[in-house]
Amino acid sequence: MAPSEEELRDLAAQLGECITARGSKLASAESCSGGWLAKIITDIPGSSAWFTASVVSYSNDAKQSLLGVSAETLSEYGAVSGETVLEMTEGLFSHTDADVAVSISGIAGPEGGSESKPVGLVWLSWGKRGKAVFANPFHFDGGREDVRRQSVKQALENLLDLLAC
């Protein structure tokens, strides 16, 4: 079930308190979620103190030019892959002052899916600068908006878990 806007905002507020308490900054890179994560975060008053940047890299060209994702990675694994979201996250660390970063790329539908990459497949990557960066696939049900909302919720939850909040 897709989370409500209020649930997403509550998670973002909790994340903001956690990041602020650590004196850290967050950056995000989004594809299928189209900036929804950044929108939820910037709905929180004072988020400018802890949210440094967001890149909506919807096209492969944007992933390459804005985040440094290699053409070889995109050609071999595709935009919706662990390899790509890892490079997106590393690109955030290269291009921002963020201490913590998260990236999202998936197939929200209703078209665009395949047998190997069905609609609802979303890859997330998250991590801390200079530490391990993680990438995992998630499979979300529902329509386009449901998949996008669940992607944002999962990204927020992954960050909260990473920071032990």
C-alpha atoms as a PDB file:
ATOM      1  CA  MET A   1       0.000   0.000   0.000  1.00  0.00           C
ATOM      2  CA  ALA A   2       1.312   3.413  -0.961  1.00  0.00           C
ATOM      3  CA  PRO A   3       2.069   5.771   1.922  1.00  0.00           C
ATOM      4  CA  SER A   4       0.172   9.007   2.405  1.00  0.00           C
ATOM      5  CA  GLU A   5       1.770  12.412   1.899  1.00  0.00           C
ATOM      6  CA  GLU A   6       1.546  12.899   5.669  1.00  0.00           C
ATOM      7  CA  GLU A   7       3.440   9.650   6.325  1.00  0.00           C
ATOM      8  CA  LEU A   8       6.164  10.690   3.893  1.00  0.00           C
ATOM      9  CA  ARG A   9       6.416  14.133   5.477  1.00  0.00           C
ATOM     10  CA  ASP A  10       6.687  12.585   8.962  1.00  0.00           C
ATOM     11  CA  LEU A  11       9.536  10.320   7.808  1.00  0.00           C
ATOM     12  CA  ALA A  12      11.293  13.292   6.187  1.00  0.00           C
ATOM     13  CA  ALA A  13      10.943  15.334   9.384  1.00  0.00           C
ATOM     14  CA  GLN A  14      12.379  12.460  11.416  1.00  0.00           C
ATOM     15  CA  LEU A  15      15.276  12.191   8.957  1.00  0.00           C
ATOM     16  CA  GLY A  16      15.889  15.927   9.210  1.00  0.00           C
ATOM     17  CA  GLU A  17      16.097  15.783  12.992  1.00  0.00           C
ATOM     18  CA  CYS A  18      18.504  12.853  12.778  1.00  0.00           C
ATOM     19  CA  ILE A  19      20.778  14.448  10.179  1.00  0.00           C
ATOM     20  CA  THR A  20      20.747  17.774  12.031  1.00  0.00           C
ATOM     21  CA  ALA A  21      21.716  16.056  15.291  1.00  0.00           C
ATOM     22  CA  ARG A  22      24.735  14.576  13.492  1.00  0.00           C
ATOM     23  CA  GLY A  23      25.712  17.846  11.809  1.00  0.00           C
ATOM     24  CA  SER A  24      25.481  16.136   8.425  1.00  0.00           C
ATOM     25  CA  LYS A  25      24.147  17.052   4.983  1.00  0.00           C
ATOM     26  CA  LEU A  26      22.071  14.979   2.546  1.00  0.00           C
ATOM     27  CA  ALA A  27      21.915  14.914  -1.254  1.00  0.00           C
ATOM     28  CA  SER A  28      19.619  12.913  -3.531  1.00  0.00           C
ATOM     29  CA  ALA A  29      19.562  11.756  -7.141  1.00  0.00           C
ATOM     30  CA  GLU A  30      16.225  10.710  -8.576  1.00  0.00           C
ATOM     31  CA  SER A  31      15.011   9.215 -11.798  1.00  0.00           C
ATOM     32  CA  CYS A  32      11.600   7.486 -11.637  1.00  0.00           C
ATOM     33  CA  SER A  33      10.535   9.478  -8.559  1.00  0.00           C
ATOM     34  CA  GLY A  34      11.034  12.712 -10.503  1.00  0.00           C
ATOM     35  CA  GLY A  35      12.071  14.860  -7.549  1.00  0.00           C
ATOM     36  CA  TRP A  36       9.356  13.649  -5.178  1.00  0.00           C
ATOM     37  CA  LEU A  37      11.914  12.824  -2.486  1.00  0.00           C
ATOM     38  CA  ALA A  38      13.396  16.323  -2.737  1.00  0.00           C
ATOM     39  CA  LYS A  39       9.901  17.824  -2.622  1.00  0.00           C
ATOM     40  CA  ILE A  40       8.982  15.932   0.556  1.00  0.00           C
ATOM     41  CA  ILE A  41      12.274  16.920   2.170  1.00  0.00           C
ATOM     42  CA  THR A  42      11.995  20.579   1.226  1.00  0.00           C
ATOM     43  CA  ASP A  43       8.431  20.655   2.589  1.00  0.00           C
ATOM     44  CA  ILE A  44      10.143  20.496   6.004  1.00  0.00           C
ATOM     45  CA  PRO A  45      10.846  23.996   7.358  1.00  0.00           C
ATOM     46  CA  GLY A  46      14.570  24.451   7.918  1.00  0.00           C
ATOM     47  CA  SER A  47      15.567  21.651   5.547  1.00  0.00           C
ATOM     48  CA  SER A  48      18.041  23.991   3.849  1.00  0.00           C
ATOM     49  CA  ALA A  49      20.287  23.487   6.892  1.00  0.00           C
ATOM     50  CA  TRP A  50      20.718  19.771   6.132  1.00  0.00           C
ATOM     51  CA  PHE A  51      19.594  19.139   2.528  1.00  0.00           C
ATOM     52  CA  THR A  52      22.278  20.324   0.162  1.00  0.00           C
ATOM     53  CA  ALA A  53      21.228  19.210  -3.337  1.00  0.00           C
ATOM     54  CA  SER A  54      18.991  17.110  -5.517  1.00  0.00           C
ATOM     55  CA  VAL A  55      19.512  15.993  -9.101  1.00  0.00           C
ATOM     56  CA  VAL A  56      16.583  14.744 -11.166  1.00  0.00           C
ATOM     57  CA  SER A  57      18.421  12.703 -13.774  1.00  0.00           C
ATOM     58  CA  TYR A  58      15.526  11.279 -15.730  1.00  0.00           C
ATOM     59  CA  SER A  59      17.444  10.603 -18.943  1.00  0.00           C
ATOM     60  CA  ASN A  60      20.594   8.560 -19.424  1.00  0.00           C
ATOM     61  CA  ASP A  61      22.324  11.676 -20.779  1.00  0.00           C
ATOM     62  CA  ALA A  62      21.546  13.507 -17.521  1.00  0.00           C
ATOM     63  CA  LYS A  63      22.825  10.573 -15.470  1.00  0.00           C
ATOM     64  CA  GLN A  64      26.086  10.794 -17.395  1.00  0.00           C
ATOM     65  CA  SER A  65      26.555  14.571 -17.536  1.00  0.00           C
ATOM     66  CA  LEU A  66      25.270  15.503 -14.075  1.00  0.00           C
ATOM     67  CA  LEU A  67      26.328  12.492 -12.000  1.00  0.00           C
ATOM     68  CA  GLY A  68      29.159  10.869 -13.937  1.00  0.00           C
ATOM     69  CA  VAL A  69      27.413   7.555 -14.595  1.00  0.00           C
ATOM     70  CA  SER A  70      29.470   5.839 -17.290  1.00  0.00           C
ATOM     71  CA  ALA A  71      28.066   5.086 -20.725  1.00  0.00           C
ATOM     72  CA  GLU A  72      29.417   1.560 -20.325  1.00  0.00           C
ATOM     73  CA  THR A  73      27.399   0.992 -17.148  1.00  0.00           C
ATOM     74  CA  LEU A  74      24.224   2.251 -18.787  1.00  0.00           C
ATOM     75  CA  SER A  75      24.844   0.167 -21.902  1.00  0.00           C
ATOM     76  CA  GLU A  76      25.700  -3.026 -20.054  1.00  0.00           C
ATOM     77  CA  TYR A  77      23.283  -2.889 -17.096  1.00  0.00           C
ATOM     78  CA  GLY A  78      20.695  -0.243 -17.996  1.00  0.00           C
ATOM     79  CA  ALA A  79      19.408   2.768 -16.076  1.00  0.00           C
ATOM     80  CA  VAL A  80      17.462   0.535 -13.684  1.00  0.00           C
ATOM     81  CA  SER A  81      20.284  -1.403 -12.071  1.00  0.00           C
ATOM     82  CA  GLY A  82      22.372  -1.593  -8.953  1.00  0.00           C
ATOM     83  CA  GLU A  83      25.450  -0.543 -10.897  1.00  0.00           C
ATOM     84  CA  THR A  84      23.766   2.636 -12.128  1.00  0.00           C
ATOM     85  CA  VAL A  85      22.346   3.744  -8.763  1.00  0.00           C
ATOM     86  CA  LEU A  86      25.724   3.121  -7.117  1.00  0.00           C
ATOM     87  CA  GLU A  87      27.363   5.404  -9.677  1.00  0.00           C
ATOM     88  CA  MET A  88      24.589   7.975  -9.163  1.00  0.00           C
ATOM     89  CA  THR A  89      25.295   8.008  -5.424  1.00  0.00           C
ATOM     90  CA  GLU A  90      29.046   8.246  -5.957  1.00  0.00           C
ATOM     91  CA  GLY A  91      28.359  11.119  -8.355  1.00  0.00           C
ATOM     92  CA  LEU A  92      26.520  12.958  -5.594  1.00  0.00           C
ATOM     93  CA  PHE A  93      29.551  12.598  -3.341  1.00  0.00           C
ATOM     94  CA  SER A  94      31.782  13.883  -6.158  1.00  0.00           C
ATOM     95  CA  HIS A  95      29.613  16.899  -6.971  1.00  0.00           C
ATOM     96  CA  THR A  96      28.213  17.985  -3.580  1.00  0.00           C
ATOM     97  CA  ASP A  97      29.309  18.473   0.012  1.00  0.00           C
ATOM     98  CA  ALA A  98      26.853  15.815   1.214  1.00  0.00           C
ATOM     99  CA  ASP A  99      27.854  13.420   3.974  1.00  0.00           C
ATOM    100  CA  VAL A 100      24.913  11.126   3.185  1.00  0.00           C
ATOM    101  CA  ALA A 101      23.392  10.407  -0.232  1.00  0.00           C
ATOM    102  CA  VAL A 102      20.574   8.407  -1.794  1.00  0.00           C
ATOM    103  CA  SER A 103      19.680   7.548  -5.394  1.00  0.00           C
ATOM    104  CA  ILE A 104      16.533   6.133  -6.990  1.00  0.00           C
ATOM    105  CA  SER A 105      16.013   4.600 -10.441  1.00  0.00           C
ATOM    106  CA  GLY A 106      13.136   2.383 -11.453  1.00  0.00           C
ATOM    107  CA  ILE A 107      10.223   1.553 -13.691  1.00  0.00           C
ATOM    108  CA  ALA A 108       7.104   3.266 -12.394  1.00  0.00           C
ATOM    109  CA  GLY A 109       4.941   2.255 -15.359  1.00  0.00           C
ATOM    110  CA  PRO A 110       2.459   1.786 -16.724  1.00  0.00           C
ATOM    111  CA  GLU A 111       4.771   1.029 -19.687  1.00  0.00           C
ATOM    112  CA  GLY A 112       8.482   0.371 -19.862  1.00  0.00           C
ATOM    113  CA  GLY A 113       8.683  -2.935 -18.051  1.00  0.00           C
ATOM    114  CA  SER A 114      10.083  -6.193 -19.370  1.00  0.00           C
ATOM    115  CA  GLU A 115      10.298  -9.760 -18.145  1.00  0.00           C
ATOM    116  CA  SER A 116      13.678  -9.118 -16.541  1.00  0.00           C
ATOM    117  CA  LYS A 117      12.781  -5.609 -15.334  1.00  0.00           C
ATOM    118  CA  PRO A 118       9.043  -5.463 -14.631  1.00  0.00           C
ATOM    119  CA  VAL A 119       7.003  -2.384 -13.816  1.00  0.00           C
ATOM    120  CA  GLY A 120       7.447  -1.743 -10.101  1.00  0.00           C
ATOM    121  CA  LEU A 121      11.163  -2.633 -10.030  1.00  0.00           C
ATOM    122  CA  VAL A 122      13.082   0.143  -8.298  1.00  0.00           C
ATOM    123  CA  TRP A 123      16.772   0.193  -7.420  1.00  0.00           C
ATOM    124  CA  LEU A 124      17.892   2.326  -4.483  1.00  0.00           C
ATOM    125  CA  SER A 125      21.400   3.220  -3.428  1.00  0.00           C
ATOM    126  CA  TRP A 126      22.332   4.960  -0.192  1.00  0.00           C
ATOM    127  CA  GLY A 127      25.382   5.497   1.933  1.00  0.00           C
ATOM    128  CA  LYS A 128      27.785   7.747   3.778  1.00  0.00           C
ATOM    129  CA  ARG A 129      30.728   9.581   2.255  1.00  0.00           C
ATOM    130  CA  GLY A 130      33.881   7.479   2.575  1.00  0.00           C
ATOM    131  CA  LYS A 131      31.957   4.456   3.857  1.00  0.00           C
ATOM    132  CA  ALA A 132      30.134   1.544   2.250  1.00  0.00           C
ATOM    133  CA  VAL A 133      27.442   2.490  -0.252  1.00  0.00           C
ATOM    134  CA  PHE A 134      24.552   0.063  -0.627  1.00  0.00           C
ATOM    135  CA  ALA A 135      22.289  -0.842  -3.551  1.00  0.00           C
ATOM    136  CA  ASN A 136      19.197  -3.034  -3.401  1.00  0.00           C
ATOM    137  CA  PRO A 137      16.249  -3.754  -5.666  1.00  0.00           C
ATOM    138  CA  PHE A 138      12.676  -3.365  -4.464  1.00  0.00           C
ATOM    139  CA  HIS A 139       9.461  -4.505  -6.123  1.00  0.00           C
ATOM    140  CA  PHE A 140       6.464  -2.245  -5.544  1.00  0.00           C
ATOM    141  CA  ASP A 141       2.857  -2.903  -6.482  1.00  0.00           C
ATOM    142  CA  GLY A 142       0.222  -0.567  -7.819  1.00  0.00           C
ATOM    143  CA  GLY A 143       0.077   2.151 -10.416  1.00  0.00           C
ATOM    144  CA  ARG A 144       2.658   4.758 -11.324  1.00  0.00           C
ATOM    145  CA  GLU A 145       1.970   7.040  -8.360  1.00  0.00           C
ATOM    146  CA  ASP A 146       1.943   4.092  -5.940  1.00  0.00           C
ATOM    147  CA  VAL A 147       5.359   2.910  -7.148  1.00  0.00           C
ATOM    148  CA  ARG A 148       6.791   6.424  -6.877  1.00  0.00           C
ATOM    149  CA  ARG A 149       5.382   6.997  -3.366  1.00  0.00           C
ATOM    150  CA  GLN A 150       6.704   3.640  -2.168  1.00  0.00           C
ATOM    151  CA  SER A 151      10.114   4.473  -3.661  1.00  0.00           C
ATOM    152  CA  VAL A 152      10.273   7.720  -1.704  1.00  0.00           C
ATOM    153  CA  LYS A 153       9.173   5.983   1.505  1.00  0.00           C
ATOM    154  CA  GLN A 154      11.768   3.241   1.058  1.00  0.00           C
ATOM    155  CA  ALA A 155      14.511   5.802   0.427  1.00  0.00           C
ATOM    156  CA  LEU A 156      13.605   7.669   3.631  1.00  0.00           C
ATOM    157  CA  GLU A 157      13.464   4.445   5.641  1.00  0.00           C
ATOM    158  CA  ASN A 158      16.820   3.281   4.247  1.00  0.00           C
ATOM    159  CA  LEU A 159      18.417   6.555   5.301  1.00  0.00           C
ATOM    160  CA  LEU A 160      16.884   6.369   8.772  1.00  0.00           C
ATOM    161  CA  ASP A 161      18.225   2.824   9.141  1.00  0.00           C
ATOM    162  CA  LEU A 162      21.662   3.842   7.846  1.00  0.00           C
ATOM    163  CA  LEU A 163      21.873   6.620  10.428  1.00  0.00           C
ATOM    164  CA  ALA A 164      20.358   4.426  13.162  1.00  0.00           C
ATOM    165  CA  CYS A 165      17.613   6.949  13.828  1.00  0.00           C
END
